[in-house]
Structures are given as C-alpha cells and as structure tokens.
Amino acid sequence: MRQPAIIAVTALVPAIWGSTFVVTTELLPPDHALTNACLRALPAGLALLAVTRQLPHPSWIGKLLIVSALNFSIFWWLLFEAAYRLPGGVAATVGSVQPLIVFTLSALLLGTRVSILVYVAGIGGVIGVALLALTPEASVDPVGIAAAIAGAVSMALGVVLTKRWQFPVSPLTFASWQLVIGGLLLAPAAILIDPPMPTISVANLAGYFYLALIGGAVTYTVWFWGVAQLGPITPTTLGFFSPVSALFLGWIILGQSMTSLQLSGVVLIVVSVAVGVWMQRTIIAQRAQPGRGPGRAPDALAARDI
C-alpha cells in the first residue's frame, strides 16, 4: 500500500477516538474510570487473542508489560478520569500536547531528527484545538488537568517505545497482547478502588461494546500498523483529528453549537497536520535519493528522519 493510502487509513483512527468523550458521558456509568478502562481493554484483547491464538515469547514479557501499561492501563484510566472531571474541550486541548511530547521523545530515544517546522506545525495544532474546544464556560479541575497531561505523556512514551522495540508480530497479535495485559493490570485496581458497579443498562452495554470493539480492538490494530509503517511522528500528528471529530459529533449528536472561531480552529488543525505530514514525506524523499546514504531503506528513514 502506498504511503498516502496508509496515512489516510491511519487518520481514521483518531477520528473514531474522538467519539470517546461522547460515549463516556452519555452511555457509561459515572465515576468508574478504572472499571471502564478495564472493560474496554480486557474483552477486546481476549477476543483478538482467540483469533490470533499466539502467545508472546517469554523474553518479551518485560517490554510488553511496559508498553501495555503505558498505552492502555495508565492512558485509558487517565483518559476516563479526565473525561469525568473536565469538559471534553478542556480535556482535548490539554491532551493535544501529546504530539509535541512524541517529537521530543523520538529525538531522545529513537535518534529521530525532528525539523523545527514539524514542531511549529504541532504548536499550530494545539492552538487549533484550543480555538475549537475552549469556551468561556469551560471549567478547570486541577486533578482532571493533571490526569490529561499525565495521560498524554503515558501514551506518547508508549508509542515511541513501541517503535523502538518493534515486536516481530502482526499488528493484530501485538494489539491482542497489549489489550489483555493492560486489562489484567487494571482489574485489581478497579476492584479495590472503584465503587461497586450499578445495575448495567442496555445503554451501558452498548457503550462498552462500542469502546471495546471499535474504539479498542479495531482502531488500535490499525494504529499499531500505522506506527510500524510510518514511524511514531505521522500517526501522532494525525491525532489532532480526534478533537475535530469530537466537535462535529457533539454538534450532530448532542445538538451543541458551533461557532466561527471553532471552525477557524478546524482549519488551523487541518493545515498544521498537512504541513507536518508533508514535511515528513519531503525529508524522507530527499534522503532516499541516490547519493544520500546507501543502504537506507525508506521504512528506516521514516523512523529516523522527520
């Protein structure tokens, strides 16, 4: 598959993730962040594991525990905590710093040469998210803000380590292992810390099913495939589409208003993402030309030269 097609498919993932705040606030029981994270991860992972029927090599367990905790256990717990404590716009704005963290960690841990223009595009994306998400009525909860920031750091580190360690299995298998491990790590904390679950309604079941199947198993399989194909920078940059999706879903489903300032933020995000992706592809193409370093394959360039 050509790179533009890979980018387009990967971009669908954050667009789908934008529905998380709507589903959480409208369909899930409140104040059960750990339980919600566990029920999103573990059933999806077990379903994928039943399909793949492949267990990890014992020597990989340590690294798998780390990336599973970062990508799922910690990140999803903090994501639900932020969703409960903050308006979706505030949580989305704080979480949108994740690409900037990925850029920095990629330089430190992967040796990636990150262009200043990529940072500028990332900052433009953060400003765009702030324009479309922040309103005068938006309240600020310090614990919620801390959860959103810590969640962004956790996911950023998980994405970079995923690329650094490069487990030699299919994205489907890799997702199944992480979802199962992430869910198992969450289960004891959910039982000990969260209040008892109320009677589960049909709406609750629908919310859990959607987040586990679509927002978990399907999207994360595609996400890890995109990271393997493109490196961590481009998929993370595409993450700016998540708050855009959340904005339009709130407008369509919840009847929320949409202002001209918010639409300006959408335009700024689209431009920022386009600049970041274009910059990456340009540098890779230049370094892939003859005479610019023999023996360096385009896939390897994607991981290092951004």
C-alpha atoms as a PDB file:
ATOM      1  CA  MET A   1       0.000   0.000   0.000  1.00  0.00           C
ATOM      2  CA  ARG A   2       1.337   3.438  -0.921  1.00  0.00           C
ATOM      3  CA  GLN A   3       2.165   5.893   1.844  1.00  0.00           C
ATOM      4  CA  PRO A   4      -0.727   8.343   1.136  1.00  0.00           C
ATOM      5  CA  ALA A   5      -3.181   5.460   1.500  1.00  0.00           C
ATOM      6  CA  ILE A   6      -1.503   4.323   4.740  1.00  0.00           C
ATOM      7  CA  ILE A   7      -1.781   7.875   6.103  1.00  0.00           C
ATOM      8  CA  ALA A   8      -5.458   8.093   5.104  1.00  0.00           C
ATOM      9  CA  VAL A   9      -6.327   4.796   6.795  1.00  0.00           C
ATOM     10  CA  THR A  10      -4.363   5.698   9.934  1.00  0.00           C
ATOM     11  CA  ALA A  11      -6.123   9.088  10.081  1.00  0.00           C
ATOM     12  CA  LEU A  12      -9.447   7.294  10.538  1.00  0.00           C
ATOM     13  CA  VAL A  13      -8.276   6.020  13.935  1.00  0.00           C
ATOM     14  CA  PRO A  14      -8.105   9.353  15.824  1.00  0.00           C
ATOM     15  CA  ALA A  15     -11.310  10.416  14.090  1.00  0.00           C
ATOM     16  CA  ILE A  16     -13.023   7.396  15.655  1.00  0.00           C
ATOM     17  CA  TRP A  17     -11.323   8.023  19.009  1.00  0.00           C
ATOM     18  CA  GLY A  18     -12.985  11.442  19.032  1.00  0.00           C
ATOM     19  CA  SER A  19     -16.209   9.665  19.983  1.00  0.00           C
ATOM     20  CA  THR A  20     -14.780   8.523  23.344  1.00  0.00           C
ATOM     21  CA  PHE A  21     -15.922  11.587  25.309  1.00  0.00           C
ATOM     22  CA  VAL A  22     -19.465  11.438  23.912  1.00  0.00           C
ATOM     23  CA  VAL A  23     -19.782   7.719  24.612  1.00  0.00           C
ATOM     24  CA  THR A  24     -18.293   8.070  28.109  1.00  0.00           C
ATOM     25  CA  THR A  25     -20.540  10.915  29.214  1.00  0.00           C
ATOM     26  CA  GLU A  26     -23.712   9.671  27.515  1.00  0.00           C
ATOM     27  CA  LEU A  27     -23.581   5.869  27.812  1.00  0.00           C
ATOM     28  CA  LEU A  28     -21.259   4.772  30.614  1.00  0.00           C
ATOM     29  CA  PRO A  29     -21.905   4.827  34.384  1.00  0.00           C
ATOM     30  CA  PRO A  30     -20.150   7.770  36.083  1.00  0.00           C
ATOM     31  CA  ASP A  31     -17.134   7.654  38.417  1.00  0.00           C
ATOM     32  CA  HIS A  32     -15.782   4.293  37.264  1.00  0.00           C
ATOM     33  CA  ALA A  33     -12.634   5.302  35.387  1.00  0.00           C
ATOM     34  CA  LEU A  34     -10.615   2.174  36.249  1.00  0.00           C
ATOM     35  CA  THR A  35     -13.516  -0.180  35.617  1.00  0.00           C
ATOM     36  CA  ASN A  36     -14.330   1.461  32.295  1.00  0.00           C
ATOM     37  CA  ALA A  37     -10.708   1.226  31.182  1.00  0.00           C
ATOM     38  CA  CYS A  38     -10.558  -2.449  32.196  1.00  0.00           C
ATOM     39  CA  LEU A  39     -13.825  -3.340  30.434  1.00  0.00           C
ATOM     40  CA  ARG A  40     -12.655  -1.504  27.325  1.00  0.00           C
ATOM     41  CA  ALA A  41      -9.341  -3.383  27.174  1.00  0.00           C
ATOM     42  CA  LEU A  42      -9.729  -6.923  28.506  1.00  0.00           C
ATOM     43  CA  PRO A  43     -12.746  -8.222  26.494  1.00  0.00           C
ATOM     44  CA  ALA A  44     -11.326  -6.758  23.288  1.00  0.00           C
ATOM     45  CA  GLY A  45      -7.929  -8.310  23.948  1.00  0.00           C
ATOM     46  CA  LEU A  46      -9.376 -11.736  24.722  1.00  0.00           C
ATOM     47  CA  ALA A  47     -11.466 -11.626  21.528  1.00  0.00           C
ATOM     48  CA  LEU A  48      -8.404 -10.780  19.433  1.00  0.00           C
ATOM     49  CA  LEU A  49      -6.325 -13.419  21.225  1.00  0.00           C
ATOM     50  CA  ALA A  50      -8.954 -16.033  20.362  1.00  0.00           C
ATOM     51  CA  VAL A  51      -8.480 -15.081  16.712  1.00  0.00           C
ATOM     52  CA  THR A  52      -4.678 -14.895  16.654  1.00  0.00           C
ATOM     53  CA  ARG A  53      -4.007 -17.829  19.025  1.00  0.00           C
ATOM     54  CA  GLN A  54      -0.434 -16.684  19.521  1.00  0.00           C
ATOM     55  CA  LEU A  55       1.254 -16.038  22.847  1.00  0.00           C
ATOM     56  CA  PRO A  56       4.307 -13.817  23.317  1.00  0.00           C
ATOM     57  CA  HIS A  57       7.787 -15.236  23.749  1.00  0.00           C
ATOM     58  CA  PRO A  58       8.756 -15.243  27.451  1.00  0.00           C
ATOM     59  CA  SER A  59      11.700 -12.932  26.731  1.00  0.00           C
ATOM     60  CA  TRP A  60       9.270 -10.234  25.531  1.00  0.00           C
ATOM     61  CA  ILE A  61       7.113 -10.147  28.680  1.00  0.00           C
ATOM     62  CA  GLY A  62       9.023  -7.345  30.425  1.00  0.00           C
ATOM     63  CA  LYS A  63       8.818  -4.968  27.473  1.00  0.00           C
ATOM     64  CA  LEU A  64       5.203  -5.937  26.813  1.00  0.00           C
ATOM     65  CA  LEU A  65       4.288  -5.106  30.412  1.00  0.00           C
ATOM     66  CA  ILE A  66       5.786  -1.636  29.968  1.00  0.00           C
ATOM     67  CA  VAL A  67       4.138  -0.734  26.654  1.00  0.00           C
ATOM     68  CA  SER A  68       0.810  -2.298  27.682  1.00  0.00           C
ATOM     69  CA  ALA A  69       0.754  -0.263  30.883  1.00  0.00           C
ATOM     70  CA  LEU A  70       1.667   2.951  29.049  1.00  0.00           C
ATOM     71  CA  ASN A  71      -0.594   2.512  26.003  1.00  0.00           C
ATOM     72  CA  PHE A  72      -3.613   1.088  27.779  1.00  0.00           C
ATOM     73  CA  SER A  73      -3.629   0.667  31.579  1.00  0.00           C
ATOM     74  CA  ILE A  74      -2.355   4.124  32.544  1.00  0.00           C
ATOM     75  CA  PHE A  75      -3.503   6.035  29.471  1.00  0.00           C
ATOM     76  CA  TRP A  76      -7.082   4.756  29.399  1.00  0.00           C
ATOM     77  CA  TRP A  77      -7.516   5.124  33.170  1.00  0.00           C
ATOM     78  CA  LEU A  78      -6.358   8.750  32.983  1.00  0.00           C
ATOM     79  CA  LEU A  79      -8.402   9.348  29.825  1.00  0.00           C
ATOM     80  CA  PHE A  80     -11.619   8.326  31.585  1.00  0.00           C
ATOM     81  CA  GLU A  81     -10.620  10.280  34.695  1.00  0.00           C
ATOM     82  CA  ALA A  82     -10.141  13.424  32.592  1.00  0.00           C
ATOM     83  CA  ALA A  83     -13.412  12.780  30.755  1.00  0.00           C
ATOM     84  CA  TYR A  84     -15.317  12.685  34.050  1.00  0.00           C
ATOM     85  CA  ARG A  85     -13.624  15.730  35.585  1.00  0.00           C
ATOM     86  CA  LEU A  86     -13.262  18.073  32.601  1.00  0.00           C
ATOM     87  CA  PRO A  87     -15.437  19.306  29.777  1.00  0.00           C
ATOM     88  CA  GLY A  88     -14.489  17.481  26.589  1.00  0.00           C
ATOM     89  CA  GLY A  89     -12.981  20.639  25.119  1.00  0.00           C
ATOM     90  CA  VAL A  90     -10.603  21.226  28.016  1.00  0.00           C
ATOM     91  CA  ALA A  91      -9.536  17.585  28.105  1.00  0.00           C
ATOM     92  CA  ALA A  92      -8.959  17.573  24.342  1.00  0.00           C
ATOM     93  CA  THR A  93      -6.896  20.759  24.481  1.00  0.00           C
ATOM     94  CA  VAL A  94      -4.633  19.510  27.268  1.00  0.00           C
ATOM     95  CA  GLY A  95      -4.251  16.114  25.610  1.00  0.00           C
ATOM     96  CA  SER A  96      -3.322  17.703  22.293  1.00  0.00           C
ATOM     97  CA  VAL A  97       0.210  18.386  23.583  1.00  0.00           C
ATOM     98  CA  GLN A  98       0.896  14.677  23.042  1.00  0.00           C
ATOM     99  CA  PRO A  99       2.416  15.121  19.537  1.00  0.00           C
ATOM    100  CA  LEU A 100       4.943  17.624  20.904  1.00  0.00           C
ATOM    101  CA  ILE A 101       5.936  15.088  23.566  1.00  0.00           C
ATOM    102  CA  VAL A 102       6.276  12.372  20.910  1.00  0.00           C
ATOM    103  CA  PHE A 103       8.516  14.631  18.791  1.00  0.00           C
ATOM    104  CA  THR A 104      10.832  15.185  21.764  1.00  0.00           C
ATOM    105  CA  LEU A 105      10.880  11.557  22.919  1.00  0.00           C
ATOM    106  CA  SER A 106      11.515  10.379  19.350  1.00  0.00           C
ATOM    107  CA  ALA A 107      14.591  12.591  19.207  1.00  0.00           C
ATOM    108  CA  LEU A 108      15.825  11.329  22.579  1.00  0.00           C
ATOM    109  CA  LEU A 109      15.014   7.618  22.307  1.00  0.00           C
ATOM    110  CA  LEU A 110      14.986   6.918  18.571  1.00  0.00           C
ATOM    111  CA  GLY A 111      17.591   9.383  17.368  1.00  0.00           C
ATOM    112  CA  THR A 112      14.993  10.989  15.109  1.00  0.00           C
ATOM    113  CA  ARG A 113      15.993  14.310  13.570  1.00  0.00           C
ATOM    114  CA  VAL A 114      12.889  16.430  14.080  1.00  0.00           C
ATOM    115  CA  SER A 115      12.501  19.522  11.913  1.00  0.00           C
ATOM    116  CA  ILE A 116      11.634  22.823  13.569  1.00  0.00           C
ATOM    117  CA  LEU A 117       8.784  23.109  11.073  1.00  0.00           C
ATOM    118  CA  VAL A 118       7.277  19.914  12.478  1.00  0.00           C
ATOM    119  CA  TYR A 119       7.305  21.474  15.959  1.00  0.00           C
ATOM    120  CA  VAL A 120       5.718  24.636  14.551  1.00  0.00           C
ATOM    121  CA  ALA A 121       3.008  22.543  12.925  1.00  0.00           C
ATOM    122  CA  GLY A 122       2.448  20.737  16.235  1.00  0.00           C
ATOM    123  CA  ILE A 123       2.093  24.017  18.118  1.00  0.00           C
ATOM    124  CA  GLY A 124      -0.330  25.202  15.433  1.00  0.00           C
ATOM    125  CA  GLY A 125      -2.383  22.072  16.028  1.00  0.00           C
ATOM    126  CA  VAL A 126      -2.521  22.741  19.783  1.00  0.00           C
ATOM    127  CA  ILE A 127      -3.687  26.314  19.129  1.00  0.00           C
ATOM    128  CA  GLY A 128      -6.285  24.988  16.702  1.00  0.00           C
ATOM    129  CA  VAL A 129      -7.620  22.553  19.294  1.00  0.00           C
ATOM    130  CA  ALA A 130      -7.806  25.380  21.838  1.00  0.00           C
ATOM    131  CA  LEU A 131      -9.806  27.521  19.393  1.00  0.00           C
ATOM    132  CA  LEU A 132     -12.353  24.815  18.683  1.00  0.00           C
ATOM    133  CA  ALA A 133     -12.574  23.363  22.190  1.00  0.00           C
ATOM    134  CA  LEU A 134     -12.202  26.097  24.816  1.00  0.00           C
ATOM    135  CA  THR A 135     -15.197  28.232  25.688  1.00  0.00           C
ATOM    136  CA  PRO A 136     -15.794  30.844  28.432  1.00  0.00           C
ATOM    137  CA  GLU A 137     -17.976  28.308  30.238  1.00  0.00           C
ATOM    138  CA  ALA A 138     -15.257  25.643  30.326  1.00  0.00           C
ATOM    139  CA  SER A 139     -14.437  24.743  33.925  1.00  0.00           C
ATOM    140  CA  VAL A 140     -10.981  23.651  35.088  1.00  0.00           C
ATOM    141  CA  ASP A 141     -10.453  20.851  37.599  1.00  0.00           C
ATOM    142  CA  PRO A 142      -6.788  20.580  38.733  1.00  0.00           C
ATOM    143  CA  VAL A 143      -6.963  16.790  39.120  1.00  0.00           C
ATOM    144  CA  GLY A 144      -8.556  16.488  35.691  1.00  0.00           C
ATOM    145  CA  ILE A 145      -5.851  18.672  34.144  1.00  0.00           C
ATOM    146  CA  ALA A 146      -3.131  16.589  35.797  1.00  0.00           C
ATOM    147  CA  ALA A 147      -4.804  13.380  34.541  1.00  0.00           C
ATOM    148  CA  ALA A 148      -4.987  14.714  30.970  1.00  0.00           C
ATOM    149  CA  ILE A 149      -1.319  15.757  30.970  1.00  0.00           C
ATOM    150  CA  ALA A 150      -0.102  12.510  32.541  1.00  0.00           C
ATOM    151  CA  GLY A 151      -2.218  10.525  30.080  1.00  0.00           C
ATOM    152  CA  ALA A 152      -0.666  12.376  27.134  1.00  0.00           C
ATOM    153  CA  VAL A 153       2.833  11.635  28.450  1.00  0.00           C
ATOM    154  CA  SER A 154       1.979   7.963  29.022  1.00  0.00           C
ATOM    155  CA  MET A 155       0.612   7.434  25.510  1.00  0.00           C
ATOM    156  CA  ALA A 156       3.476   9.384  23.920  1.00  0.00           C
ATOM    157  CA  LEU A 157       6.110   7.273  25.673  1.00  0.00           C
ATOM    158  CA  GLY A 158       4.210   4.094  24.823  1.00  0.00           C
ATOM    159  CA  VAL A 159       4.075   4.977  21.110  1.00  0.00           C
ATOM    160  CA  VAL A 160       7.791   5.766  20.959  1.00  0.00           C
ATOM    161  CA  LEU A 161       8.809   2.596  22.832  1.00  0.00           C
ATOM    162  CA  THR A 162       6.514   0.570  20.575  1.00  0.00           C
ATOM    163  CA  LYS A 163       8.509   1.779  17.582  1.00  0.00           C
ATOM    164  CA  ARG A 164      11.851   1.375  19.337  1.00  0.00           C
ATOM    165  CA  TRP A 165      11.304  -2.239  20.369  1.00  0.00           C
ATOM    166  CA  GLN A 166       9.445  -3.329  17.187  1.00  0.00           C
ATOM    167  CA  PHE A 167       7.951  -6.677  18.216  1.00  0.00           C
ATOM    168  CA  PRO A 168       8.174  -9.008  15.179  1.00  0.00           C
ATOM    169  CA  VAL A 169       4.486  -9.922  15.020  1.00  0.00           C
ATOM    170  CA  SER A 170       1.400  -8.691  13.180  1.00  0.00           C
ATOM    171  CA  PRO A 171      -0.385  -5.559  14.463  1.00  0.00           C
ATOM    172  CA  LEU A 172      -3.417  -7.731  15.305  1.00  0.00           C
ATOM    173  CA  THR A 173      -1.328 -10.017  17.508  1.00  0.00           C
ATOM    174  CA  PHE A 174       0.502  -7.095  19.095  1.00  0.00           C
ATOM    175  CA  ALA A 175      -2.773  -5.332  19.902  1.00  0.00           C
ATOM    176  CA  SER A 176      -4.240  -8.504  21.419  1.00  0.00           C
ATOM    177  CA  TRP A 177      -1.309  -8.946  23.806  1.00  0.00           C
ATOM    178  CA  GLN A 178      -1.340  -5.332  24.943  1.00  0.00           C
ATOM    179  CA  LEU A 179      -5.110  -5.210  25.452  1.00  0.00           C
ATOM    180  CA  VAL A 180      -5.095  -8.406  27.536  1.00  0.00           C
ATOM    181  CA  ILE A 181      -2.110  -7.347  29.640  1.00  0.00           C
ATOM    182  CA  GLY A 182      -3.420  -3.803  30.007  1.00  0.00           C
ATOM    183  CA  GLY A 183      -6.817  -5.109  31.126  1.00  0.00           C
ATOM    184  CA  LEU A 184      -5.292  -7.573  33.600  1.00  0.00           C
ATOM    185  CA  LEU A 185      -3.173  -4.807  35.132  1.00  0.00           C
ATOM    186  CA  LEU A 186      -6.302  -2.682  35.571  1.00  0.00           C
ATOM    187  CA  ALA A 187      -8.575  -5.364  37.030  1.00  0.00           C
ATOM    188  CA  PRO A 188      -7.246  -5.464  40.633  1.00  0.00           C
ATOM    189  CA  ALA A 189      -7.198  -1.657  40.886  1.00  0.00           C
ATOM    190  CA  ALA A 190     -10.739  -1.455  39.505  1.00  0.00           C
ATOM    191  CA  ILE A 191     -11.991  -3.953  42.084  1.00  0.00           C
ATOM    192  CA  LEU A 192     -10.209  -2.316  45.027  1.00  0.00           C
ATOM    193  CA  ILE A 193     -10.608   1.392  44.208  1.00  0.00           C
ATOM    194  CA  ASP A 194     -13.738   1.998  42.114  1.00  0.00           C
ATOM    195  CA  PRO A 195     -17.169   1.975  43.796  1.00  0.00           C
ATOM    196  CA  PRO A 196     -19.408  -1.048  43.155  1.00  0.00           C
ATOM    197  CA  MET A 197     -20.899  -1.093  39.686  1.00  0.00           C
ATOM    198  CA  PRO A 198     -24.566  -0.137  39.399  1.00  0.00           C
ATOM    199  CA  THR A 199     -27.048  -2.253  37.505  1.00  0.00           C
ATOM    200  CA  ILE A 200     -25.802  -2.344  33.908  1.00  0.00           C
ATOM    201  CA  SER A 201     -28.306  -0.903  31.452  1.00  0.00           C
ATOM    202  CA  VAL A 202     -28.664  -1.578  27.744  1.00  0.00           C
ATOM    203  CA  ALA A 203     -27.080   1.827  27.080  1.00  0.00           C
ATOM    204  CA  ASN A 204     -24.103   0.906  29.271  1.00  0.00           C
ATOM    205  CA  LEU A 205     -23.633  -2.367  27.401  1.00  0.00           C
ATOM    206  CA  ALA A 206     -23.790  -0.564  24.071  1.00  0.00           C
ATOM    207  CA  GLY A 207     -21.162   1.920  25.248  1.00  0.00           C
ATOM    208  CA  TYR A 208     -18.799  -0.799  26.486  1.00  0.00           C
ATOM    209  CA  PHE A 209     -19.279  -2.846  23.332  1.00  0.00           C
ATOM    210  CA  TYR A 210     -18.506   0.114  21.097  1.00  0.00           C
ATOM    211  CA  LEU A 211     -15.423   1.222  23.041  1.00  0.00           C
ATOM    212  CA  ALA A 212     -14.057  -2.330  23.299  1.00  0.00           C
ATOM    213  CA  LEU A 213     -14.671  -3.441  19.715  1.00  0.00           C
ATOM    214  CA  ILE A 214     -14.422  -0.269  17.611  1.00  0.00           C
ATOM    215  CA  GLY A 215     -12.537   2.062  19.975  1.00  0.00           C
ATOM    216  CA  GLY A 216     -10.207  -0.697  21.148  1.00  0.00           C
ATOM    217  CA  ALA A 217      -9.678  -3.856  19.097  1.00  0.00           C
ATOM    218  CA  VAL A 218     -10.180  -2.449  15.596  1.00  0.00           C
ATOM    219  CA  THR A 219      -8.669   1.012  15.926  1.00  0.00           C
ATOM    220  CA  TYR A 220      -5.594   0.011  17.908  1.00  0.00           C
ATOM    221  CA  THR A 221      -4.780  -2.774  15.471  1.00  0.00           C
ATOM    222  CA  VAL A 222      -4.819  -0.187  12.680  1.00  0.00           C
ATOM    223  CA  TRP A 223      -2.914   2.298  14.866  1.00  0.00           C
ATOM    224  CA  PHE A 224      -0.005  -0.064  15.585  1.00  0.00           C
ATOM    225  CA  TRP A 225       0.076  -0.971  11.897  1.00  0.00           C
ATOM    226  CA  GLY A 226       0.337   2.739  11.067  1.00  0.00           C
ATOM    227  CA  VAL A 227       3.120   3.275  13.618  1.00  0.00           C
ATOM    228  CA  ALA A 228       5.031   0.309  12.172  1.00  0.00           C
ATOM    229  CA  GLN A 229       4.656   1.651   8.622  1.00  0.00           C
ATOM    230  CA  LEU A 230       5.143   5.382   9.214  1.00  0.00           C
ATOM    231  CA  GLY A 231       7.085   5.728  12.456  1.00  0.00           C
ATOM    232  CA  PRO A 232       5.587   7.451  15.522  1.00  0.00           C
ATOM    233  CA  ILE A 233       5.580  11.054  14.226  1.00  0.00           C
ATOM    234  CA  THR A 234       2.933  10.996  11.482  1.00  0.00           C
ATOM    235  CA  PRO A 235       0.314   8.875  13.322  1.00  0.00           C
ATOM    236  CA  THR A 236       0.640  11.094  16.398  1.00  0.00           C
ATOM    237  CA  THR A 237       0.308  14.242  14.288  1.00  0.00           C
ATOM    238  CA  LEU A 238      -2.886  12.798  12.828  1.00  0.00           C
ATOM    239  CA  GLY A 239      -4.156  12.612  16.416  1.00  0.00           C
ATOM    240  CA  PHE A 240      -5.208  16.255  16.112  1.00  0.00           C
ATOM    241  CA  PHE A 241      -8.212  14.965  14.157  1.00  0.00           C
ATOM    242  CA  SER A 242      -9.604  13.437  17.367  1.00  0.00           C
ATOM    243  CA  PRO A 243     -10.876  16.725  18.906  1.00  0.00           C
ATOM    244  CA  VAL A 244     -12.152  17.783  15.463  1.00  0.00           C
ATOM    245  CA  SER A 245     -14.201  14.599  15.354  1.00  0.00           C
ATOM    246  CA  ALA A 246     -15.400  15.207  18.930  1.00  0.00           C
ATOM    247  CA  LEU A 247     -16.541  18.720  17.952  1.00  0.00           C
ATOM    248  CA  PHE A 248     -18.592  17.541  14.978  1.00  0.00           C
ATOM    249  CA  LEU A 249     -20.065  14.601  16.919  1.00  0.00           C
ATOM    250  CA  GLY A 250     -21.160  16.983  19.677  1.00  0.00           C
ATOM    251  CA  TRP A 251     -22.778  19.200  17.044  1.00  0.00           C
ATOM    252  CA  ILE A 252     -24.512  16.307  15.246  1.00  0.00           C
ATOM    253  CA  ILE A 253     -25.464  14.040  18.156  1.00  0.00           C
ATOM    254  CA  LEU A 254     -25.785  16.361  21.156  1.00  0.00           C
ATOM    255  CA  GLY A 255     -27.007  19.452  19.326  1.00  0.00           C
ATOM    256  CA  GLN A 256     -24.103  21.575  20.547  1.00  0.00           C
ATOM    257  CA  SER A 257     -23.453  24.892  18.820  1.00  0.00           C
ATOM    258  CA  MET A 258     -20.510  25.518  16.502  1.00  0.00           C
ATOM    259  CA  THR A 259     -19.007  28.993  16.227  1.00  0.00           C
ATOM    260  CA  SER A 260     -16.925  30.629  13.537  1.00  0.00           C
ATOM    261  CA  LEU A 261     -13.977  30.627  15.962  1.00  0.00           C
ATOM    262  CA  GLN A 262     -14.256  26.863  16.286  1.00  0.00           C
ATOM    263  CA  LEU A 263     -14.354  26.454  12.523  1.00  0.00           C
ATOM    264  CA  SER A 264     -11.200  28.575  12.343  1.00  0.00           C
ATOM    265  CA  GLY A 265      -9.611  26.100  14.752  1.00  0.00           C
ATOM    266  CA  VAL A 266     -10.621  23.212  12.478  1.00  0.00           C
ATOM    267  CA  VAL A 267      -8.963  24.930   9.502  1.00  0.00           C
ATOM    268  CA  LEU A 268      -5.789  25.577  11.525  1.00  0.00           C
ATOM    269  CA  ILE A 269      -5.647  21.919  12.607  1.00  0.00           C
ATOM    270  CA  VAL A 270      -6.061  20.649   9.050  1.00  0.00           C
ATOM    271  CA  VAL A 271      -3.312  22.987   7.820  1.00  0.00           C
ATOM    272  CA  SER A 272      -0.996  22.020  10.688  1.00  0.00           C
ATOM    273  CA  VAL A 273      -1.467  18.302  10.065  1.00  0.00           C
ATOM    274  CA  ALA A 274      -0.942  18.765   6.326  1.00  0.00           C
ATOM    275  CA  VAL A 275       2.289  20.707   6.918  1.00  0.00           C
ATOM    276  CA  GLY A 276       3.615  18.136   9.384  1.00  0.00           C
ATOM    277  CA  VAL A 277       2.865  15.171   7.109  1.00  0.00           C
ATOM    278  CA  TRP A 278       4.217  16.983   4.029  1.00  0.00           C
ATOM    279  CA  MET A 279       7.426  17.873   5.864  1.00  0.00           C
ATOM    280  CA  GLN A 280       8.000  14.268   6.877  1.00  0.00           C
ATOM    281  CA  ARG A 281       7.399  12.920   3.363  1.00  0.00           C
ATOM    282  CA  THR A 282       9.657  15.587   1.830  1.00  0.00           C
ATOM    283  CA  ILE A 283      12.602  14.786   4.093  1.00  0.00           C
ATOM    284  CA  ILE A 284      12.198  11.053   3.565  1.00  0.00           C
ATOM    285  CA  ALA A 285      12.065  11.508  -0.209  1.00  0.00           C
ATOM    286  CA  GLN A 286      15.176  13.697  -0.185  1.00  0.00           C
ATOM    287  CA  ARG A 287      17.219  11.256   1.875  1.00  0.00           C
ATOM    288  CA  ALA A 288      16.053   8.319  -0.239  1.00  0.00           C
ATOM    289  CA  GLN A 289      17.614   9.868  -3.360  1.00  0.00           C
ATOM    290  CA  PRO A 290      20.803   8.271  -4.755  1.00  0.00           C
ATOM    291  CA  GLY A 291      23.947   9.527  -3.088  1.00  0.00           C
ATOM    292  CA  ARG A 292      22.242  10.336   0.202  1.00  0.00           C
ATOM    293  CA  GLY A 293      23.287   7.314   2.178  1.00  0.00           C
ATOM    294  CA  PRO A 294      23.368   3.871   0.531  1.00  0.00           C
ATOM    295  CA  GLY A 295      21.602   1.011   2.151  1.00  0.00           C
ATOM    296  CA  ARG A 296      18.977   3.097   3.934  1.00  0.00           C
ATOM    297  CA  ALA A 297      15.525   1.814   3.111  1.00  0.00           C
ATOM    298  CA  PRO A 298      12.514   4.169   3.025  1.00  0.00           C
ATOM    299  CA  ASP A 299      10.928   2.412   6.030  1.00  0.00           C
ATOM    300  CA  ALA A 300      14.057   3.017   8.090  1.00  0.00           C
ATOM    301  CA  LEU A 301      14.089   6.630   7.008  1.00  0.00           C
ATOM    302  CA  ALA A 302      10.521   7.061   8.158  1.00  0.00           C
ATOM    303  CA  ALA A 303      11.575   6.070  11.664  1.00  0.00           C
ATOM    304  CA  ARG A 304      14.558   8.423  11.865  1.00  0.00           C
ATOM    305  CA  ASP A 305      14.354  11.453   9.611  1.00  0.00           C
ATOM    306  CA  ILE A 306      11.403  13.671  10.395  1.00  0.00           C
END
